[in-house]
Amino acid sequence: MPRGHTQIPVAAIETGVPALIEAREIIAAFHLMIRRKAEGDLCPWIERGRASLVASFANGVDRDISAVRAAITSGWSNGQTEGQITKLKLVKRQMYGRGKLDLLEARLLGHAI
């Protein structure tokens, strides 16, 4: 499908519901704040978010503001850990009812049985 066809319905929806444009801009601002590590923009973003369609998300960010601040300012990431956990769960589901822990360990670590 050509690119222009998907933009027409979005534009039509946004014309009918202008609050969606603002919500999209607020979410884009959140992503930009995270990427730029602009921790100083967090409180103004929460206030702007609370007055929009993403109020529930903004309230959740505010409830866990210390973790969000740490995520913005910290150079650490748990992405590698989350990837390993996802891999483990995938293999575990694939093997459900087929083997015990020794087979799971062999499959994950590549040991010969």
C-alpha atoms as a PDB file:
ATOM      1  CA  MET A   1       0.000   0.000   0.000  1.00  0.00           C
ATOM      2  CA  PRO A   2       1.480   3.386  -0.932  1.00  0.00           C
ATOM      3  CA  ARG A   3       2.492   5.580   1.949  1.00  0.00           C
ATOM      4  CA  GLY A   4      -0.021   8.320   1.209  1.00  0.00           C
ATOM      5  CA  HIS A   5      -2.982   5.996   1.717  1.00  0.00           C
ATOM      6  CA  THR A   6      -2.181   5.328   5.374  1.00  0.00           C
ATOM      7  CA  GLN A   7      -1.757   9.019   6.153  1.00  0.00           C
ATOM      8  CA  ILE A   8      -5.172  10.037   4.884  1.00  0.00           C
ATOM      9  CA  PRO A   9      -7.183   8.147   7.551  1.00  0.00           C
ATOM     10  CA  VAL A  10      -4.859   9.335  10.330  1.00  0.00           C
ATOM     11  CA  ALA A  11      -5.230  12.928   9.174  1.00  0.00           C
ATOM     12  CA  ALA A  12      -9.001  12.515   8.958  1.00  0.00           C
ATOM     13  CA  ILE A  13      -9.182  11.074  12.465  1.00  0.00           C
ATOM     14  CA  GLU A  14      -6.930  13.783  13.876  1.00  0.00           C
ATOM     15  CA  THR A  15      -9.075  16.440  12.203  1.00  0.00           C
ATOM     16  CA  GLY A  16     -12.128  15.012  13.921  1.00  0.00           C
ATOM     17  CA  VAL A  17     -10.389  14.597  17.285  1.00  0.00           C
ATOM     18  CA  PRO A  18      -7.807  17.385  17.766  1.00  0.00           C
ATOM     19  CA  ALA A  19      -6.872  16.030  21.210  1.00  0.00           C
ATOM     20  CA  LEU A  20      -5.207  13.094  19.418  1.00  0.00           C
ATOM     21  CA  ILE A  21      -2.717  15.455  17.801  1.00  0.00           C
ATOM     22  CA  GLU A  22      -1.769  16.838  21.195  1.00  0.00           C
ATOM     23  CA  ALA A  23      -1.527  13.336  22.699  1.00  0.00           C
ATOM     24  CA  ARG A  24       0.800  12.237  19.868  1.00  0.00           C
ATOM     25  CA  GLU A  25       2.962  15.315  20.407  1.00  0.00           C
ATOM     26  CA  ILE A  26       3.118  14.694  24.172  1.00  0.00           C
ATOM     27  CA  ILE A  27       4.216  11.084  23.673  1.00  0.00           C
ATOM     28  CA  ALA A  28       6.808  12.212  21.107  1.00  0.00           C
ATOM     29  CA  ALA A  29       8.084  14.757  23.652  1.00  0.00           C
ATOM     30  CA  PHE A  30       8.406  11.971  26.236  1.00  0.00           C
ATOM     31  CA  HIS A  31      10.461   9.845  23.832  1.00  0.00           C
ATOM     32  CA  LEU A  32      12.658  12.820  23.001  1.00  0.00           C
ATOM     33  CA  MET A  33      13.147  13.597  26.706  1.00  0.00           C
ATOM     34  CA  ILE A  34      14.283  10.010  27.315  1.00  0.00           C
ATOM     35  CA  ARG A  35      16.623   9.957  24.298  1.00  0.00           C
ATOM     36  CA  ARG A  36      18.184  13.318  25.199  1.00  0.00           C
ATOM     37  CA  LYS A  37      18.325  12.434  28.915  1.00  0.00           C
ATOM     38  CA  ALA A  38      16.624  15.766  29.663  1.00  0.00           C
ATOM     39  CA  GLU A  39      15.605  15.071  33.271  1.00  0.00           C
ATOM     40  CA  GLY A  40      14.734  18.745  33.822  1.00  0.00           C
ATOM     41  CA  ASP A  41      11.839  18.435  31.371  1.00  0.00           C
ATOM     42  CA  LEU A  42      10.140  15.687  33.394  1.00  0.00           C
ATOM     43  CA  CYS A  43       7.940  17.748  35.750  1.00  0.00           C
ATOM     44  CA  PRO A  44       6.683  20.105  33.008  1.00  0.00           C
ATOM     45  CA  TRP A  45       5.983  17.054  30.835  1.00  0.00           C
ATOM     46  CA  ILE A  46       3.934  15.420  33.617  1.00  0.00           C
ATOM     47  CA  GLU A  47       1.831  18.563  34.037  1.00  0.00           C
ATOM     48  CA  ARG A  48       1.250  18.794  30.283  1.00  0.00           C
ATOM     49  CA  GLY A  49       0.422  15.094  30.108  1.00  0.00           C
ATOM     50  CA  ARG A  50      -2.093  15.291  32.958  1.00  0.00           C
ATOM     51  CA  ALA A  51      -4.167  17.775  30.966  1.00  0.00           C
ATOM     52  CA  SER A  52      -4.422  15.490  27.915  1.00  0.00           C
ATOM     53  CA  LEU A  53      -5.614  12.103  26.710  1.00  0.00           C
ATOM     54  CA  VAL A  54      -2.443  10.530  28.153  1.00  0.00           C
ATOM     55  CA  ALA A  55      -3.294  11.618  31.705  1.00  0.00           C
ATOM     56  CA  SER A  56      -3.295   8.035  32.972  1.00  0.00           C
ATOM     57  CA  PHE A  57       0.234   7.487  31.649  1.00  0.00           C
ATOM     58  CA  ALA A  58       1.427  10.835  33.056  1.00  0.00           C
ATOM     59  CA  ASN A  59      -0.030   9.961  36.462  1.00  0.00           C
ATOM     60  CA  GLY A  60       1.754   6.604  36.352  1.00  0.00           C
ATOM     61  CA  VAL A  61       5.030   8.342  35.545  1.00  0.00           C
ATOM     62  CA  ASP A  62       4.457  10.686  38.474  1.00  0.00           C
ATOM     63  CA  ARG A  63       3.676   7.824  40.868  1.00  0.00           C
ATOM     64  CA  ASP A  64       6.996   6.200  39.967  1.00  0.00           C
ATOM     65  CA  ILE A  65       8.944   9.403  39.357  1.00  0.00           C
ATOM     66  CA  SER A  66      12.105   8.253  41.128  1.00  0.00           C
ATOM     67  CA  ALA A  67      12.428   5.248  38.810  1.00  0.00           C
ATOM     68  CA  VAL A  68      11.711   7.406  35.762  1.00  0.00           C
ATOM     69  CA  ARG A  69      14.347   9.939  36.858  1.00  0.00           C
ATOM     70  CA  ALA A  70      16.844   7.111  37.305  1.00  0.00           C
ATOM     71  CA  ALA A  71      15.998   5.747  33.848  1.00  0.00           C
ATOM     72  CA  ILE A  72      16.580   9.174  32.300  1.00  0.00           C
ATOM     73  CA  THR A  73      19.808  10.024  34.109  1.00  0.00           C
ATOM     74  CA  SER A  74      21.445   6.628  34.519  1.00  0.00           C
ATOM     75  CA  GLY A  75      23.780   5.201  31.937  1.00  0.00           C
ATOM     76  CA  TRP A  76      22.810   1.704  33.023  1.00  0.00           C
ATOM     77  CA  SER A  77      20.310  -0.418  31.145  1.00  0.00           C
ATOM     78  CA  ASN A  78      18.676  -3.738  31.911  1.00  0.00           C
ATOM     79  CA  GLY A  79      18.089  -4.464  28.224  1.00  0.00           C
ATOM     80  CA  GLN A  80      20.639  -7.293  28.105  1.00  0.00           C
ATOM     81  CA  THR A  81      19.074  -8.951  31.148  1.00  0.00           C
ATOM     82  CA  GLU A  82      15.564  -8.618  29.738  1.00  0.00           C
ATOM     83  CA  GLY A  83      16.734 -10.171  26.459  1.00  0.00           C
ATOM     84  CA  GLN A  84      18.190 -13.187  28.257  1.00  0.00           C
ATOM     85  CA  ILE A  85      15.000 -13.644  30.293  1.00  0.00           C
ATOM     86  CA  THR A  86      12.905 -13.477  27.123  1.00  0.00           C
ATOM     87  CA  LYS A  87      15.116 -16.120  25.492  1.00  0.00           C
ATOM     88  CA  LEU A  88      14.844 -18.377  28.559  1.00  0.00           C
ATOM     89  CA  LYS A  89      11.048 -18.074  28.631  1.00  0.00           C
ATOM     90  CA  LEU A  90      10.802 -18.811  24.903  1.00  0.00           C
ATOM     91  CA  VAL A  91      12.874 -21.982  25.194  1.00  0.00           C
ATOM     92  CA  LYS A  92      10.976 -23.033  28.310  1.00  0.00           C
ATOM     93  CA  ARG A  93       7.641 -22.661  26.509  1.00  0.00           C
ATOM     94  CA  GLN A  94       8.912 -24.570  23.477  1.00  0.00           C
ATOM     95  CA  MET A  95      10.028 -27.430  25.716  1.00  0.00           C
ATOM     96  CA  TYR A  96       6.949 -27.561  27.940  1.00  0.00           C
ATOM     97  CA  GLY A  97       6.307 -31.187  28.868  1.00  0.00           C
ATOM     98  CA  ARG A  98       9.289 -32.468  26.876  1.00  0.00           C
ATOM     99  CA  GLY A  99      12.173 -32.414  29.308  1.00  0.00           C
ATOM    100  CA  LYS A 100      13.544 -31.574  32.700  1.00  0.00           C
ATOM    101  CA  LEU A 101      16.033 -28.920  33.851  1.00  0.00           C
ATOM    102  CA  ASP A 102      19.047 -30.819  32.466  1.00  0.00           C
ATOM    103  CA  LEU A 103      17.644 -30.636  28.928  1.00  0.00           C
ATOM    104  CA  LEU A 104      16.719 -26.962  29.377  1.00  0.00           C
ATOM    105  CA  GLU A 105      20.244 -26.202  30.583  1.00  0.00           C
ATOM    106  CA  ALA A 106      21.744 -28.093  27.644  1.00  0.00           C
ATOM    107  CA  ARG A 107      19.582 -26.201  25.208  1.00  0.00           C
ATOM    108  CA  LEU A 108      20.405 -22.786  26.678  1.00  0.00           C
ATOM    109  CA  LEU A 109      24.102 -23.311  27.294  1.00  0.00           C
ATOM    110  CA  GLY A 110      24.812 -25.634  24.371  1.00  0.00           C
ATOM    111  CA  HIS A 111      26.153 -28.531  26.450  1.00  0.00           C
ATOM    112  CA  ALA A 112      26.119 -32.038  25.061  1.00  0.00           C
ATOM    113  CA  ILE A 113      23.688 -34.336  26.849  1.00  0.00           C
END
